[in-house]
Amino acid sequence: MITKIFIILSVLLTLNACTSTQYVALSSTDKKSPKVEVFLRDIQKPVKEYEIISYIETSGTIFTTKNQLIIGLKKKVDKLGGDAVIDVNFFYIPWVLSSIPAVDGVVIKYK
C-alpha cells in the first residue's frame, strides 16, 4: 500500500514539473513585416499624440498561435493605414468542444 502511494506521488510530482513556454514577438526585425507598433492593454501606451482610426479584432483556429494572431493583426492595421495598435488583449472564443484564440485592440495613427 505504501509503495502504491509513493508511486502515485512520484508520478504527480513528475507531471507537475513539466512546463511549456510560449512567447509573443511584439516587434519584428523581418523587413517584410509591417512596421506597426503593438501596445498591450494595461501595460504600455504610446508617448506620441495619436488619433483613433478603428477597433480591430482578429481570430484564428484552434491551431493558431498568439504570434500568428499578432502577425495577422499587424498586417490588417497596416492596410488600414494605422501606425500602431493599442489596448491589445488576447482572449478565447468558446467553440464546440474547444475555444478559438483571438486578439483585439484599437488602431491608431500618429499626429
Protein backbone atom coordinates (compact mmCIF):
# COMPACT_ATOMS: atom_id res chain seq x y z
CA MET A 1 0.00 0.00 0.00
CA ILE A 2 2.77 2.46 0.87
CA THR A 3 4.54 1.58 -2.38
CA LYS A 4 1.43 2.45 -4.42
CA ILE A 5 1.08 5.80 -2.65
CA PHE A 6 4.77 6.53 -3.25
CA ILE A 7 4.44 5.70 -6.97
CA ILE A 8 1.33 7.87 -7.33
CA LEU A 9 3.01 10.79 -5.57
CA SER A 10 6.13 10.39 -7.71
CA VAL A 11 4.07 10.45 -10.91
CA LEU A 12 2.11 13.50 -9.78
CA LEU A 13 5.28 15.40 -8.85
CA THR A 14 6.90 14.49 -12.16
CA LEU A 15 3.87 15.65 -14.15
CA ASN A 16 3.72 18.84 -12.13
CA ALA A 17 7.34 19.63 -13.05
CA CYS A 18 6.61 19.69 -16.80
CA THR A 19 6.33 23.18 -18.25
CA SER A 20 5.53 24.76 -21.56
CA THR A 21 6.73 28.20 -22.62
CA GLN A 22 5.26 30.43 -25.31
CA TYR A 23 6.21 33.93 -26.35
CA VAL A 24 4.71 36.65 -28.48
CA ALA A 25 7.01 38.81 -30.58
CA LEU A 26 5.52 42.31 -30.44
CA SER A 27 8.15 43.76 -32.76
CA SER A 28 9.97 42.17 -35.65
CA THR A 29 13.24 42.68 -37.46
CA ASP A 30 11.76 40.99 -40.53
CA LYS A 31 11.81 43.50 -43.41
CA LYS A 32 8.59 42.01 -44.85
CA SER A 33 6.69 42.53 -41.58
CA PRO A 34 4.69 45.79 -41.33
CA LYS A 35 6.29 48.43 -39.08
CA VAL A 36 3.24 48.55 -36.81
CA GLU A 37 3.79 49.05 -33.09
CA VAL A 38 1.87 46.86 -30.64
CA PHE A 39 0.94 48.05 -27.14
CA LEU A 40 -0.57 45.56 -24.69
CA ARG A 41 -3.61 46.51 -22.60
CA ASP A 42 -2.82 47.98 -19.16
CA ILE A 43 0.94 47.65 -19.73
CA GLN A 44 2.06 50.11 -22.39
CA LYS A 45 0.89 53.31 -24.04
CA PRO A 46 2.46 55.30 -26.89
CA VAL A 47 4.19 58.53 -25.90
CA LYS A 48 3.32 60.30 -29.18
CA GLU A 49 -0.01 62.03 -29.75
CA TYR A 50 -2.44 59.98 -31.85
CA GLU A 51 -5.94 59.73 -33.21
CA ILE A 52 -8.08 56.60 -33.13
CA ILE A 53 -8.87 55.05 -36.52
CA SER A 54 -10.87 51.95 -35.60
CA TYR A 55 -11.43 48.95 -33.35
CA ILE A 56 -9.91 45.71 -34.63
CA GLU A 57 -10.34 42.05 -33.79
CA THR A 58 -8.60 39.03 -35.28
CA SER A 59 -9.39 35.39 -34.57
CA GLY A 60 -7.80 32.14 -35.66
CA THR A 61 -8.46 28.43 -35.50
CA ILE A 62 -7.78 26.05 -32.64
CA PHE A 63 -4.26 25.64 -34.05
CA THR A 64 -3.44 29.38 -34.37
CA THR A 65 -0.65 30.66 -32.13
CA LYS A 66 -0.53 34.06 -30.45
CA ASN A 67 2.38 35.02 -32.72
CA GLN A 68 0.25 34.27 -35.78
CA LEU A 69 -2.57 36.40 -34.34
CA ILE A 70 -0.20 39.35 -33.85
CA ILE A 71 1.17 38.99 -37.40
CA GLY A 72 -2.38 39.00 -38.82
CA LEU A 73 -3.33 41.95 -36.63
CA LYS A 74 -0.29 43.98 -37.74
CA LYS A 75 -0.99 43.28 -41.43
CA LYS A 76 -4.59 44.48 -41.10
CA VAL A 77 -3.53 47.60 -39.15
CA ASP A 78 -1.03 48.38 -41.91
CA LYS A 79 -3.76 48.02 -44.58
CA LEU A 80 -5.98 50.39 -42.58
CA GLY A 81 -3.18 52.98 -42.58
CA GLY A 82 -2.52 52.75 -38.86
CA ASP A 83 0.85 53.29 -37.19
CA ALA A 84 0.12 51.21 -34.11
CA VAL A 85 -2.47 49.17 -32.26
CA ILE A 86 -3.11 49.89 -28.57
CA ASP A 87 -5.00 48.11 -25.78
CA VAL A 88 -4.17 44.74 -27.34
CA ASN A 89 -5.88 41.92 -25.48
CA PHE A 90 -5.70 38.15 -26.05
CA PHE A 91 -8.82 36.09 -25.33
CA TYR A 92 -10.62 32.89 -26.34
CA ILE A 93 -13.97 32.50 -28.07
CA PRO A 94 -15.86 29.38 -26.87
CA TRP A 95 -16.47 26.97 -29.72
CA VAL A 96 -17.99 23.44 -29.73
CA LEU A 97 -15.52 21.30 -27.73
CA SER A 98 -12.68 23.80 -27.63
CA SER A 99 -12.08 27.52 -27.96
CA ILE A 100 -10.71 29.78 -30.67
CA PRO A 101 -7.88 32.22 -29.88
CA ALA A 102 -8.45 35.86 -30.69
CA VAL A 103 -6.91 39.28 -30.15
CA ASP A 104 -8.42 42.76 -30.24
CA GLY A 105 -7.27 46.34 -29.95
CA VAL A 106 -7.62 49.91 -31.16
CA VAL A 107 -5.92 51.08 -34.37
CA ILE A 108 -4.25 54.49 -34.09
CA LYS A 109 -2.49 56.98 -36.39
CA TYR A 110 0.20 59.27 -35.00
CA LYS A 111 -0.35 63.02 -35.41
